[in-house]
C-alpha atoms as a PDB file:
ATOM      1  CA  UNK A   1     206.385 128.867  75.183  1.00  0.00           C
ATOM      2  CA  UNK A   2     205.876 128.121  71.499  1.00  0.00           C
ATOM      3  CA  UNK A   3     206.722 124.453  71.990  1.00  0.00           C
ATOM      4  CA  UNK A   4     204.295 124.138  74.903  1.00  0.00           C
ATOM      5  CA  UNK A   5     201.616 125.904  72.874  1.00  0.00           C
ATOM      6  CA  UNK A   6     202.118 123.424  70.013  1.00  0.00           C
ATOM      7  CA  UNK A   7     201.908 120.482  72.432  1.00  0.00           C
ATOM      8  CA  UNK A   8     198.688 121.910  73.868  1.00  0.00           C
ATOM      9  CA  UNK A   9     197.217 122.334  70.364  1.00  0.00           C
ATOM     10  CA  UNK A  10     198.187 118.738  69.455  1.00  0.00           C
ATOM     11  CA  UNK A  11     196.561 117.383  72.614  1.00  0.00           C
ATOM     12  CA  UNK A  12     193.435 119.447  72.022  1.00  0.00           C
ATOM     13  CA  UNK A  13     193.247 118.185  68.441  1.00  0.00           C
ATOM     14  CA  UNK A  14     193.635 114.597  69.692  1.00  0.00           C
ATOM     15  CA  UNK A  15     190.803 114.962  72.213  1.00  0.00           C
ATOM     16  CA  UNK A  16     188.530 116.596  69.621  1.00  0.00           C
ATOM     17  CA  UNK A  17     189.127 113.678  67.258  1.00  0.00           C
ATOM     18  CA  UNK A  18     188.468 111.168  70.059  1.00  0.00           C
ATOM     19  CA  UNK A  19     185.161 112.858  70.924  1.00  0.00           C
ATOM     20  CA  UNK A  20     184.216 112.872  67.228  1.00  0.00           C
ATOM     21  CA  UNK A  21     184.994 109.157  66.880  1.00  0.00           C
ATOM     22  CA  UNK A  22     183.001 108.291  70.028  1.00  0.00           C
ATOM     23  CA  UNK A  23     180.023 110.399  68.976  1.00  0.00           C
ATOM     24  CA  UNK A  24     180.080 108.857  65.496  1.00  0.00           C
ATOM     25  CA  UNK A  25     180.120 105.345  67.000  1.00  0.00           C
ATOM     26  CA  UNK A  26     177.281 106.289  69.360  1.00  0.00           C
ATOM     27  CA  UNK A  27     175.158 107.623  66.482  1.00  0.00           C
ATOM     28  CA  UNK A  28     175.837 104.432  64.523  1.00  0.00           C
ATOM     29  CA  UNK A  29     174.704 102.292  67.474  1.00  0.00           C
ATOM     30  CA  UNK A  30     171.598 104.456  67.903  1.00  0.00           C
ATOM     31  CA  UNK A  31     170.736 104.099  64.214  1.00  0.00           C
ATOM     32  CA  UNK A  32     171.117 100.339  64.436  1.00  0.00           C
ATOM     33  CA  UNK A  33     168.699 100.283  67.370  1.00  0.00           C
ATOM     34  CA  UNK A  34     166.197 102.381  65.424  1.00  0.00           C
ATOM     35  CA  UNK A  35     166.509 100.144  62.378  1.00  0.00           C
ATOM     36  CA  UNK A  36     165.919  97.102  64.594  1.00  0.00           C
ATOM     37  CA  UNK A  37     162.702  98.615  65.969  1.00  0.00           C
ATOM     38  CA  UNK A  38     160.302  97.134  63.416  1.00  0.00           C
ATOM     39  CA  UNK A  39     157.036  99.033  63.136  1.00  0.00           C
ATOM     40  CA  UNK A  40     154.812  96.931  65.360  1.00  0.00           C
ATOM     41  CA  UNK A  41     151.256  97.718  64.309  1.00  0.00           C
ATOM     42  CA  UNK A  42     150.796  95.047  61.642  1.00  0.00           C
ATOM     43  CA  UNK A  43     152.750  92.585  63.778  1.00  0.00           C
ATOM     44  CA  UNK A  44     150.568  93.158  66.836  1.00  0.00           C
ATOM     45  CA  UNK A  45     147.411  92.727  64.749  1.00  0.00           C
ATOM     46  CA  UNK A  46     148.732  89.495  63.232  1.00  0.00           C
ATOM     47  CA  UNK A  47     149.791  88.112  66.611  1.00  0.00           C
ATOM     48  CA  UNK A  48     146.402  88.995  68.068  1.00  0.00           C
ATOM     49  CA  UNK A  49     144.691  87.089  65.254  1.00  0.00           C
ATOM     50  CA  UNK A  50     146.919  84.043  65.807  1.00  0.00           C
ATOM     51  CA  UNK A  51     146.276  84.272  69.548  1.00  0.00           C
ATOM     52  CA  UNK A  52     142.503  84.101  69.174  1.00  0.00           C
ATOM     53  CA  UNK A  53     142.652  81.383  66.507  1.00  0.00           C
ATOM     54  CA  UNK A  54     144.861  79.258  68.753  1.00  0.00           C
ATOM     55  CA  UNK A  55     142.566  79.894  71.717  1.00  0.00           C
ATOM     56  CA  UNK A  56     139.566  78.791  69.659  1.00  0.00           C
ATOM     57  CA  UNK A  57     141.300  75.487  68.894  1.00  0.00           C
ATOM     58  CA  UNK A  58     142.467  75.191  72.527  1.00  0.00           C
ATOM     59  CA  UNK A  59     146.127  75.171  71.483  1.00  0.00           C
ATOM     60  CA  UNK A  60     147.468  76.530  74.771  1.00  0.00           C
ATOM     61  CA  UNK A  61     151.133  76.079  73.813  1.00  0.00           C
ATOM     62  CA  UNK A  62     150.649  78.296  70.746  1.00  0.00           C
ATOM     63  CA  UNK A  63     148.792  80.887  72.831  1.00  0.00           C
ATOM     64  CA  UNK A  64     151.679  81.046  75.317  1.00  0.00           C
ATOM     65  CA  UNK A  65     154.276  81.334  72.545  1.00  0.00           C
ATOM     66  CA  UNK A  66     152.392  84.105  70.751  1.00  0.00           C
ATOM     67  CA  UNK A  67     151.943  86.002  74.016  1.00  0.00           C
ATOM     68  CA  UNK A  68     155.668  85.691  74.744  1.00  0.00           C
ATOM     69  CA  UNK A  69     156.531  86.980  71.269  1.00  0.00           C
ATOM     70  CA  UNK A  70     154.142  89.935  71.631  1.00  0.00           C
ATOM     71  CA  UNK A  71     155.681  90.801  75.003  1.00  0.00           C
ATOM     72  CA  UNK A  72     159.189  90.545  73.554  1.00  0.00           C
ATOM     73  CA  UNK A  73     158.428  93.013  70.745  1.00  0.00           C
ATOM     74  CA  UNK A  74     156.465  95.380  72.986  1.00  0.00           C
ATOM     75  CA  UNK A  75     159.353  95.781  75.420  1.00  0.00           C
ATOM     76  CA  UNK A  76     161.965  95.903  72.656  1.00  0.00           C
ATOM     77  CA  UNK A  77     160.192  98.892  71.086  1.00  0.00           C
ATOM     78  CA  UNK A  78     159.507 100.763  74.353  1.00  0.00           C
ATOM     79  CA  UNK A  79     158.137 103.776  72.461  1.00  0.00           C
ATOM     80  CA  UNK A  80     161.619 104.613  71.196  1.00  0.00           C
ATOM     81  CA  UNK A  81     163.155 104.928  74.660  1.00  0.00           C
ATOM     82  CA  UNK A  82     166.796 103.859  75.017  1.00  0.00           C
ATOM     83  CA  UNK A  83     166.340 102.801  78.642  1.00  0.00           C
ATOM     84  CA  UNK A  84     163.875 100.578  80.485  1.00  0.00           C
ATOM     85  CA  UNK A  85     163.624  99.213  84.020  1.00  0.00           C
ATOM     86  CA  UNK A  86     165.453  96.093  85.111  1.00  0.00           C
ATOM     87  CA  UNK A  87     162.045  94.455  85.591  1.00  0.00           C
ATOM     88  CA  UNK A  88     161.165  95.143  81.949  1.00  0.00           C
ATOM     89  CA  UNK A  89     164.555  93.899  80.742  1.00  0.00           C
ATOM     90  CA  UNK A  90     164.053  90.674  82.701  1.00  0.00           C
ATOM     91  CA  UNK A  91     160.534  90.288  81.300  1.00  0.00           C
ATOM     92  CA  UNK A  92     161.960  90.712  77.802  1.00  0.00           C
ATOM     93  CA  UNK A  93     164.575  87.968  78.190  1.00  0.00           C
ATOM     94  CA  UNK A  94     162.096  85.700  79.976  1.00  0.00           C
ATOM     95  CA  UNK A  95     159.799  85.964  76.950  1.00  0.00           C
ATOM     96  CA  UNK A  96     162.790  85.207  74.703  1.00  0.00           C
ATOM     97  CA  UNK A  97     163.683  82.130  76.776  1.00  0.00           C
ATOM     98  CA  UNK A  98     160.076  80.901  76.736  1.00  0.00           C
ATOM     99  CA  UNK A  99     160.146  80.982  72.938  1.00  0.00           C
ATOM    100  CA  UNK A 100     163.508  79.202  72.833  1.00  0.00           C
ATOM    101  CA  UNK A 101     162.215  76.477  75.177  1.00  0.00           C
ATOM    102  CA  UNK A 102     159.402  75.759  72.726  1.00  0.00           C
ATOM    103  CA  UNK A 103     162.074  75.101  70.110  1.00  0.00           C
ATOM    104  CA  UNK A 104     164.656  73.270  72.216  1.00  0.00           C
ATOM    105  CA  UNK A 105     162.341  71.778  74.879  1.00  0.00           C
ATOM    106  CA  UNK A 106     164.368  70.062  77.613  1.00  0.00           C
ATOM    107  CA  UNK A 107     167.733  71.081  76.165  1.00  0.00           C
ATOM    108  CA  UNK A 108     167.473  74.478  77.894  1.00  0.00           C
ATOM    109  CA  UNK A 109     166.483  75.359  81.453  1.00  0.00           C
ATOM    110  CA  UNK A 110     166.913  78.710  83.150  1.00  0.00           C
ATOM    111  CA  UNK A 111     166.688  80.574  86.444  1.00  0.00           C
ATOM    112  CA  UNK A 112     166.459  84.286  87.238  1.00  0.00           C
ATOM    113  CA  UNK A 113     167.604  85.994  90.446  1.00  0.00           C
ATOM    114  CA  UNK A 114     166.996  89.744  90.765  1.00  0.00           C
ATOM    115  CA  UNK A 115     167.634  91.673  93.973  1.00  0.00           C
ATOM    116  CA  UNK A 116     164.475  93.524  95.024  1.00  0.00           C
ATOM    117  CA  UNK A 117     166.254  96.884  95.205  1.00  0.00           C
ATOM    118  CA  UNK A 118     167.138  96.596  91.504  1.00  0.00           C
ATOM    119  CA  UNK A 119     163.775  96.095  89.789  1.00  0.00           C
ATOM    120  CA  UNK A 120     163.024  99.791  89.252  1.00  0.00           C
ATOM    121  CA  UNK A 121     166.533 100.816  88.268  1.00  0.00           C
ATOM    122  CA  UNK A 122     167.097 101.852  84.655  1.00  0.00           C
ATOM    123  CA  UNK A 123     169.307 100.081  82.132  1.00  0.00           C
ATOM    124  CA  UNK A 124     170.085 100.372  78.448  1.00  0.00           C
ATOM    125  CA  UNK A 125     167.441  98.189  76.823  1.00  0.00           C
ATOM    126  CA  UNK A 126     168.130  94.841  75.138  1.00  0.00           C
ATOM    127  CA  UNK A 127     171.479  94.222  76.814  1.00  0.00           C
ATOM    128  CA  UNK A 128     170.763  90.718  78.143  1.00  0.00           C
ATOM    129  CA  UNK A 129     169.149  89.003  75.134  1.00  0.00           C
ATOM    130  CA  UNK A 130     172.323  88.966  72.955  1.00  0.00           C
ATOM    131  CA  UNK A 131     174.255  87.419  75.866  1.00  0.00           C
ATOM    132  CA  UNK A 132     171.600  84.739  76.359  1.00  0.00           C
ATOM    133  CA  UNK A 133     171.522  84.061  72.617  1.00  0.00           C
ATOM    134  CA  UNK A 134     175.282  83.484  72.719  1.00  0.00           C
ATOM    135  CA  UNK A 135     174.887  81.201  75.728  1.00  0.00           C
ATOM    136  CA  UNK A 136     172.387  79.079  73.797  1.00  0.00           C
ATOM    137  CA  UNK A 137     174.000  78.935  70.359  1.00  0.00           C
ATOM    138  CA  UNK A 138     177.702  78.995  71.262  1.00  0.00           C
ATOM    139  CA  UNK A 139     177.553  77.398  74.694  1.00  0.00           C
ATOM    140  CA  UNK A 140     174.771  74.891  75.282  1.00  0.00           C
ATOM    141  CA  UNK A 141     174.199  73.755  71.683  1.00  0.00           C
ATOM    142  CA  UNK A 142     177.920  73.234  71.122  1.00  0.00           C
ATOM    143  CA  UNK A 143     178.225  71.180  74.303  1.00  0.00           C
ATOM    144  CA  UNK A 144     175.957  68.435  72.924  1.00  0.00           C
ATOM    145  CA  UNK A 145     174.065  68.111  76.208  1.00  0.00           C
ATOM    146  CA  UNK A 146     171.280  69.804  78.137  1.00  0.00           C
ATOM    147  CA  UNK A 147     172.291  73.079  79.739  1.00  0.00           C
ATOM    148  CA  UNK A 148     171.200  75.714  82.204  1.00  0.00           C
ATOM    149  CA  UNK A 149     171.297  79.498  81.956  1.00  0.00           C
ATOM    150  CA  UNK A 150     171.365  81.550  85.149  1.00  0.00           C
ATOM    151  CA  UNK A 151     170.658  85.293  85.257  1.00  0.00           C
ATOM    152  CA  UNK A 152     171.677  87.410  88.255  1.00  0.00           C
ATOM    153  CA  UNK A 153     171.095  91.111  88.923  1.00  0.00           C
ATOM    154  CA  UNK A 154     172.425  92.944  91.974  1.00  0.00           C
ATOM    155  CA  UNK A 155     173.604  96.382  93.114  1.00  0.00           C
ATOM    156  CA  UNK A 156     176.888  97.373  94.727  1.00  0.00           C
ATOM    157  CA  UNK A 157     177.140 100.982  95.905  1.00  0.00           C
ATOM    158  CA  UNK A 158     176.519 103.137  92.802  1.00  0.00           C
ATOM    159  CA  UNK A 159     176.842 100.315  90.264  1.00  0.00           C
ATOM    160  CA  UNK A 160     174.445  97.724  88.889  1.00  0.00           C
ATOM    161  CA  UNK A 161     175.678  94.285  87.829  1.00  0.00           C
ATOM    162  CA  UNK A 162     173.905  91.890  85.473  1.00  0.00           C
ATOM    163  CA  UNK A 163     175.375  88.433  84.891  1.00  0.00           C
ATOM    164  CA  UNK A 164     174.471  85.653  82.447  1.00  0.00           C
ATOM    165  CA  UNK A 165     176.025  82.278  83.264  1.00  0.00           C
ATOM    166  CA  UNK A 166     175.807  79.045  81.284  1.00  0.00           C
ATOM    167  CA  UNK A 167     177.228  75.569  81.829  1.00  0.00           C
ATOM    168  CA  UNK A 168     177.823  74.962  78.122  1.00  0.00           C
ATOM    169  CA  UNK A 169     180.978  74.178  76.189  1.00  0.00           C
ATOM    170  CA  UNK A 170     182.890  77.302  77.215  1.00  0.00           C
ATOM    171  CA  UNK A 171     185.723  78.872  75.222  1.00  0.00           C
ATOM    172  CA  UNK A 172     189.316  77.892  74.736  1.00  0.00           C
ATOM    173  CA  UNK A 173     191.712  80.385  76.308  1.00  0.00           C
ATOM    174  CA  UNK A 174     192.862  81.578  72.879  1.00  0.00           C
ATOM    175  CA  UNK A 175     189.290  82.255  71.748  1.00  0.00           C
ATOM    176  CA  UNK A 176     188.468  84.090  74.978  1.00  0.00           C
ATOM    177  CA  UNK A 177     191.511  86.321  74.508  1.00  0.00           C
ATOM    178  CA  UNK A 178     190.470  86.944  70.901  1.00  0.00           C
ATOM    179  CA  UNK A 179     186.959  88.020  71.918  1.00  0.00           C
ATOM    180  CA  UNK A 180     188.267  90.228  74.720  1.00  0.00           C
ATOM    181  CA  UNK A 181     190.686  91.916  72.322  1.00  0.00           C
ATOM    182  CA  UNK A 182     187.842  92.382  69.830  1.00  0.00           C
ATOM    183  CA  UNK A 183     185.788  94.174  72.470  1.00  0.00           C
ATOM    184  CA  UNK A 184     188.738  96.308  73.467  1.00  0.00           C
ATOM    185  CA  UNK A 185     189.824  97.133  69.941  1.00  0.00           C
ATOM    186  CA  UNK A 186     186.449  97.399  68.200  1.00  0.00           C
ATOM    187  CA  UNK A 187     186.876  94.557  65.679  1.00  0.00           C
ATOM    188  CA  UNK A 188     183.559  92.773  66.131  1.00  0.00           C
ATOM    189  CA  UNK A 189     182.917  92.214  62.446  1.00  0.00           C
ATOM    190  CA  UNK A 190     186.088  90.169  62.025  1.00  0.00           C
ATOM    191  CA  UNK A 191     185.690  88.125  65.186  1.00  0.00           C
ATOM    192  CA  UNK A 192     182.048  87.025  65.078  1.00  0.00           C
ATOM    193  CA  UNK A 193     181.039  88.811  68.286  1.00  0.00           C
ATOM    194  CA  UNK A 194     178.755  91.499  66.890  1.00  0.00           C
ATOM    195  CA  UNK A 195     175.979  91.033  69.470  1.00  0.00           C
ATOM    196  CA  UNK A 196     178.175  91.305  72.561  1.00  0.00           C
ATOM    197  CA  UNK A 197     180.203  94.065  70.864  1.00  0.00           C
ATOM    198  CA  UNK A 198     177.022  96.122  70.391  1.00  0.00           C
ATOM    199  CA  UNK A 199     175.984  95.643  74.037  1.00  0.00           C
ATOM    200  CA  UNK A 200     179.443  96.530  75.353  1.00  0.00           C
ATOM    201  CA  UNK A 201     179.816  99.680  73.276  1.00  0.00           C
ATOM    202  CA  UNK A 202     176.323 101.008  73.923  1.00  0.00           C
ATOM    203  CA  UNK A 203     177.070 100.941  77.647  1.00  0.00           C
ATOM    204  CA  UNK A 204     180.643 102.209  77.253  1.00  0.00           C
ATOM    205  CA  UNK A 205     179.713 105.104  74.949  1.00  0.00           C
ATOM    206  CA  UNK A 206     176.884 106.232  77.208  1.00  0.00           C
ATOM    207  CA  UNK A 207     178.639 105.949  80.580  1.00  0.00           C
ATOM    208  CA  UNK A 208     182.369 105.573  79.915  1.00  0.00           C
ATOM    209  CA  UNK A 209     184.860 103.297  81.637  1.00  0.00           C
ATOM    210  CA  UNK A 210     184.800 101.093  83.696  1.00  0.00           C
ATOM    211  CA  UNK A 211     181.274 100.263  82.483  1.00  0.00           C
ATOM    212  CA  UNK A 212     180.635  97.617  79.856  1.00  0.00           C
ATOM    213  CA  UNK A 213     180.970  93.873  79.348  1.00  0.00           C
ATOM    214  CA  UNK A 214     183.444  91.499  80.970  1.00  0.00           C
ATOM    215  CA  UNK A 215     183.788  87.833  80.023  1.00  0.00           C
ATOM    216  CA  UNK A 216     184.998  84.792  81.924  1.00  0.00           C
ATOM    217  CA  UNK A 217     185.037  81.368  80.287  1.00  0.00           C
ATOM    218  CA  UNK A 218     186.603  77.950  80.688  1.00  0.00           C
ATOM    219  CA  UNK A 219     186.472  75.170  78.131  1.00  0.00           C
ATOM    220  CA  UNK A 220     184.188  72.373  79.279  1.00  0.00           C
ATOM    221  CA  UNK A 221     182.868  74.387  82.223  1.00  0.00           C
ATOM    222  CA  UNK A 222     180.904  77.315  80.791  1.00  0.00           C
ATOM    223  CA  UNK A 223     180.865  81.070  80.326  1.00  0.00           C
ATOM    224  CA  UNK A 224     179.948  84.063  82.460  1.00  0.00           C
ATOM    225  CA  UNK A 225     179.115  87.404  80.825  1.00  0.00           C
ATOM    226  CA  UNK A 226     179.109  90.232  83.366  1.00  0.00           C
ATOM    227  CA  UNK A 227     177.693  93.685  82.634  1.00  0.00           C
ATOM    228  CA  UNK A 228     178.688  96.644  84.778  1.00  0.00           C
ATOM    229  CA  UNK A 229     176.167  99.484  84.477  1.00  0.00           C
ATOM    230  CA  UNK A 230     175.568 102.614  86.569  1.00  0.00           C
ATOM    231  CA  UNK A 231     172.596 102.365  88.933  1.00  0.00           C
ATOM    232  CA  UNK A 232     170.119 104.877  87.456  1.00  0.00           C
ATOM    233  CA  UNK A 233     166.911 105.829  89.239  1.00  0.00           C
ATOM    234  CA  UNK A 234     165.150 108.435  87.048  1.00  0.00           C
ATOM    235  CA  UNK A 235     161.519 107.936  86.172  1.00  0.00           C
ATOM    236  CA  UNK A 236     160.902 106.445  82.724  1.00  0.00           C
ATOM    237  CA  UNK A 237     157.807 106.384  80.504  1.00  0.00           C
ATOM    238  CA  UNK A 238     155.585 103.316  80.686  1.00  0.00           C
ATOM    239  CA  UNK A 239     155.549 100.981  77.680  1.00  0.00           C
END
């Protein structure tokens, strides 16, 4: 009886420590989100000034870029909410891609496919932009040719899936294994995958396994980043 009691105490201690570690990691991720939420008031006023100045000089490309940037920050802030609708998340990354196309012009093209029954579902905010950023900087730019990014969102039973595909350079098998091990073992800082690490762990810490990020990549073909997220339907505040 004493031995079994000691085993039970050891297991209980282990689970308490695991919960503490997970909660600490969750608080760290939440703090990083808060720190990233730049106070927008001065930024909005500045963007509004640039917008009207550009409009006065009939610089339509500048007007469109400023509007995209304003939309990107507005959705990113979301009045402090951790979750937004799929429609808002897609609007956020579309604004991001519009800005990137101004910089890279014909180098980048993109397409978005969202199932109609998914638009009002809730997701952790800012989970697609880091994946698209990786697709641009580590996929398409490294390939040395024009590339395309495809975004897909669909629902299967109680789960929501969001995929970002690119036809860029892709990863060598060894590098893919390294990134996957980094996500599994929590070593983002030493493997250069901080953005995808943050996305994966925000989903995992909030909803547990099997939710999170899954990667598929082939050198010379491209990369697919797949997010598995619970399909959430609660009402959320408007931004």
